[in-house]
Amino acid sequence: MAEEKDYLELEEEGGVIHISFAALGEIASQAALAVPGVAALAAVPQTVVRGVQVQLSEIGICTIDLHLLLTMEQSFAQVAKQVQTAVKTAVDAAVGIEVAAVNVFVAGVAVR
């Protein structure tokens, strides 16, 4: 059985770069929170950062699950699509890995 890792390994000319799943989760978290209509990340079990789960395939493709609390100001579908785009762009820009999917779960509505 393959070893379960808590970090991504990027092999470069000068050596190996290790990026924790928590760091990837924080990038995704900040990108999601910057989208209008996202009020907060929901507290769910087994997340690397509040509301964020990161999985990495054996070939280095990343999948990110986000559990969000949204406001009622915009369409949930529109906000979710904007979150998917923002998170993919942010992770790719910061780390340079392929994000196969950003799955958005609307965990609730923030009441103000």
C-alpha atoms as a PDB file:
ATOM      1  CA  MET A   1       0.000   0.000   0.000  1.00  0.00           C
ATOM      2  CA  ALA A   2       1.238   3.505  -0.828  1.00  0.00           C
ATOM      3  CA  GLU A   3       2.424   5.780   1.959  1.00  0.00           C
ATOM      4  CA  GLU A   4      -0.046   8.542   2.901  1.00  0.00           C
ATOM      5  CA  LYS A   5       1.693  11.924   2.706  1.00  0.00           C
ATOM      6  CA  ASP A   6       0.768  15.275   4.223  1.00  0.00           C
ATOM      7  CA  TYR A   7       2.664  17.256   1.623  1.00  0.00           C
ATOM      8  CA  LEU A   8       3.225  17.641  -2.085  1.00  0.00           C
ATOM      9  CA  GLU A   9       6.701  16.920  -3.459  1.00  0.00           C
ATOM     10  CA  LEU A  10       7.936  18.934  -6.419  1.00  0.00           C
ATOM     11  CA  GLU A  11      11.172  17.657  -7.897  1.00  0.00           C
ATOM     12  CA  GLU A  12      13.297  20.502  -9.225  1.00  0.00           C
ATOM     13  CA  GLU A  13      16.856  20.714 -10.577  1.00  0.00           C
ATOM     14  CA  GLY A  14      18.284  21.811  -7.241  1.00  0.00           C
ATOM     15  CA  GLY A  15      16.366  19.312  -5.111  1.00  0.00           C
ATOM     16  CA  VAL A  16      12.878  18.558  -3.843  1.00  0.00           C
ATOM     17  CA  ILE A  17      10.384  21.158  -2.673  1.00  0.00           C
ATOM     18  CA  HIS A  18       7.863  19.989  -0.063  1.00  0.00           C
ATOM     19  CA  ILE A  19       4.569  21.907   0.168  1.00  0.00           C
ATOM     20  CA  SER A  20       2.193  20.934   2.955  1.00  0.00           C
ATOM     21  CA  PHE A  21      -1.452  20.245   2.248  1.00  0.00           C
ATOM     22  CA  ALA A  22      -2.142  22.897   4.900  1.00  0.00           C
ATOM     23  CA  ALA A  23      -0.325  25.459   2.735  1.00  0.00           C
ATOM     24  CA  LEU A  24      -2.374  24.403  -0.317  1.00  0.00           C
ATOM     25  CA  GLY A  25      -5.505  24.601   1.827  1.00  0.00           C
ATOM     26  CA  GLU A  26      -4.628  28.103   2.987  1.00  0.00           C
ATOM     27  CA  ILE A  27      -4.128  29.267  -0.615  1.00  0.00           C
ATOM     28  CA  ALA A  28      -7.524  27.808  -1.538  1.00  0.00           C
ATOM     29  CA  SER A  29      -9.130  29.305   1.562  1.00  0.00           C
ATOM     30  CA  GLN A  30      -7.895  32.829   0.872  1.00  0.00           C
ATOM     31  CA  ALA A  31      -8.900  32.625  -2.802  1.00  0.00           C
ATOM     32  CA  ALA A  32     -12.411  31.459  -1.879  1.00  0.00           C
ATOM     33  CA  LEU A  33     -12.880  34.120   0.797  1.00  0.00           C
ATOM     34  CA  ALA A  34     -11.970  36.831  -1.733  1.00  0.00           C
ATOM     35  CA  VAL A  35     -14.995  35.934  -3.886  1.00  0.00           C
ATOM     36  CA  PRO A  36     -18.041  38.165  -3.262  1.00  0.00           C
ATOM     37  CA  GLY A  37     -20.833  36.109  -1.737  1.00  0.00           C
ATOM     38  CA  VAL A  38     -18.563  33.874   0.337  1.00  0.00           C
ATOM     39  CA  ALA A  39     -19.106  34.699   3.991  1.00  0.00           C
ATOM     40  CA  ALA A  40     -16.888  32.066   5.617  1.00  0.00           C
ATOM     41  CA  LEU A  41     -15.538  28.561   5.460  1.00  0.00           C
ATOM     42  CA  ALA A  42     -17.601  25.944   7.293  1.00  0.00           C
ATOM     43  CA  ALA A  43     -16.165  23.838  10.074  1.00  0.00           C
ATOM     44  CA  VAL A  44     -16.151  20.218   8.933  1.00  0.00           C
ATOM     45  CA  PRO A  45     -14.142  17.259  10.246  1.00  0.00           C
ATOM     46  CA  GLN A  46     -10.931  16.053   8.615  1.00  0.00           C
ATOM     47  CA  THR A  47      -9.903  19.266   6.895  1.00  0.00           C
ATOM     48  CA  VAL A  48      -6.349  20.596   6.526  1.00  0.00           C
ATOM     49  CA  VAL A  49      -7.591  24.156   6.936  1.00  0.00           C
ATOM     50  CA  ARG A  50     -11.067  25.093   8.174  1.00  0.00           C
ATOM     51  CA  GLY A  51     -13.486  24.026   5.439  1.00  0.00           C
ATOM     52  CA  VAL A  52     -10.833  22.814   2.980  1.00  0.00           C
ATOM     53  CA  GLN A  53      -9.890  19.258   2.047  1.00  0.00           C
ATOM     54  CA  VAL A  54      -6.985  18.566  -0.301  1.00  0.00           C
ATOM     55  CA  GLN A  55      -6.373  15.286  -2.104  1.00  0.00           C
ATOM     56  CA  LEU A  56      -3.448  14.496  -4.359  1.00  0.00           C
ATOM     57  CA  SER A  57      -3.395  11.627  -6.840  1.00  0.00           C
ATOM     58  CA  GLU A  58      -0.347   9.434  -7.286  1.00  0.00           C
ATOM     59  CA  ILE A  59       0.460  11.305 -10.508  1.00  0.00           C
ATOM     60  CA  GLY A  60       0.364  14.725  -8.833  1.00  0.00           C
ATOM     61  CA  ILE A  61      -3.094  15.965  -9.771  1.00  0.00           C
ATOM     62  CA  CYS A  62      -4.851  17.914  -7.033  1.00  0.00           C
ATOM     63  CA  THR A  63      -8.526  17.913  -6.020  1.00  0.00           C
ATOM     64  CA  ILE A  64      -9.803  20.494  -3.532  1.00  0.00           C
ATOM     65  CA  ASP A  65     -13.088  20.359  -1.622  1.00  0.00           C
ATOM     66  CA  LEU A  66     -14.387  23.608  -0.114  1.00  0.00           C
ATOM     67  CA  HIS A  67     -17.196  23.778   2.428  1.00  0.00           C
ATOM     68  CA  LEU A  68     -18.591  27.296   2.396  1.00  0.00           C
ATOM     69  CA  LEU A  69     -21.104  29.540   4.076  1.00  0.00           C
ATOM     70  CA  LEU A  70     -22.580  31.905   1.507  1.00  0.00           C
ATOM     71  CA  THR A  71     -24.575  35.101   1.711  1.00  0.00           C
ATOM     72  CA  MET A  72     -28.015  35.454   0.133  1.00  0.00           C
ATOM     73  CA  GLU A  73     -26.874  38.387  -2.028  1.00  0.00           C
ATOM     74  CA  GLN A  74     -25.956  36.336  -5.127  1.00  0.00           C
ATOM     75  CA  SER A  75     -26.835  33.089  -6.861  1.00  0.00           C
ATOM     76  CA  PHE A  76     -25.165  30.142  -5.147  1.00  0.00           C
ATOM     77  CA  ALA A  77     -24.290  28.628  -8.538  1.00  0.00           C
ATOM     78  CA  GLN A  78     -22.589  31.835  -9.711  1.00  0.00           C
ATOM     79  CA  VAL A  79     -20.622  32.163  -6.478  1.00  0.00           C
ATOM     80  CA  ALA A  80     -19.568  28.506  -6.642  1.00  0.00           C
ATOM     81  CA  LYS A  81     -18.323  28.886 -10.233  1.00  0.00           C
ATOM     82  CA  GLN A  82     -16.364  32.019  -9.282  1.00  0.00           C
ATOM     83  CA  VAL A  83     -14.834  30.140  -6.326  1.00  0.00           C
ATOM     84  CA  GLN A  84     -13.803  27.255  -8.581  1.00  0.00           C
ATOM     85  CA  THR A  85     -12.063  29.623 -10.998  1.00  0.00           C
ATOM     86  CA  ALA A  86     -10.402  31.679  -8.245  1.00  0.00           C
ATOM     87  CA  VAL A  87      -9.075  28.628  -6.394  1.00  0.00           C
ATOM     88  CA  LYS A  88      -7.739  26.903  -9.532  1.00  0.00           C
ATOM     89  CA  THR A  89      -6.002  30.110 -10.601  1.00  0.00           C
ATOM     90  CA  ALA A  90      -4.516  30.793  -7.152  1.00  0.00           C
ATOM     91  CA  VAL A  91      -3.165  27.273  -6.607  1.00  0.00           C
ATOM     92  CA  ASP A  92      -1.725  27.087 -10.112  1.00  0.00           C
ATOM     93  CA  ALA A  93      -0.070  30.507  -9.759  1.00  0.00           C
ATOM     94  CA  ALA A  94       1.389  29.778  -6.319  1.00  0.00           C
ATOM     95  CA  VAL A  95       2.428  26.166  -6.749  1.00  0.00           C
ATOM     96  CA  GLY A  96       2.245  25.332 -10.448  1.00  0.00           C
ATOM     97  CA  ILE A  97       0.325  22.069 -10.144  1.00  0.00           C
ATOM     98  CA  GLU A  98      -2.728  20.905 -12.042  1.00  0.00           C
ATOM     99  CA  VAL A  99      -5.979  21.229 -10.126  1.00  0.00           C
ATOM    100  CA  ALA A 100      -8.303  18.624 -11.594  1.00  0.00           C
ATOM    101  CA  ALA A 101     -11.356  19.716  -9.630  1.00  0.00           C
ATOM    102  CA  VAL A 102     -12.555  22.248  -7.105  1.00  0.00           C
ATOM    103  CA  ASN A 103     -15.669  20.834  -5.476  1.00  0.00           C
ATOM    104  CA  VAL A 104     -17.827  23.405  -3.704  1.00  0.00           C
ATOM    105  CA  PHE A 105     -20.200  22.360  -0.938  1.00  0.00           C
ATOM    106  CA  VAL A 106     -22.639  25.004   0.291  1.00  0.00           C
ATOM    107  CA  ALA A 107     -22.742  24.092   3.960  1.00  0.00           C
ATOM    108  CA  GLY A 108     -25.027  26.908   4.980  1.00  0.00           C
ATOM    109  CA  VAL A 109     -26.081  30.516   4.686  1.00  0.00           C
ATOM    110  CA  ALA A 110     -24.567  33.289   6.751  1.00  0.00           C
ATOM    111  CA  VAL A 111     -27.235  35.356   8.433  1.00  0.00           C
ATOM    112  CA  ARG A 112     -26.271  38.972   8.979  1.00  0.00           C
END
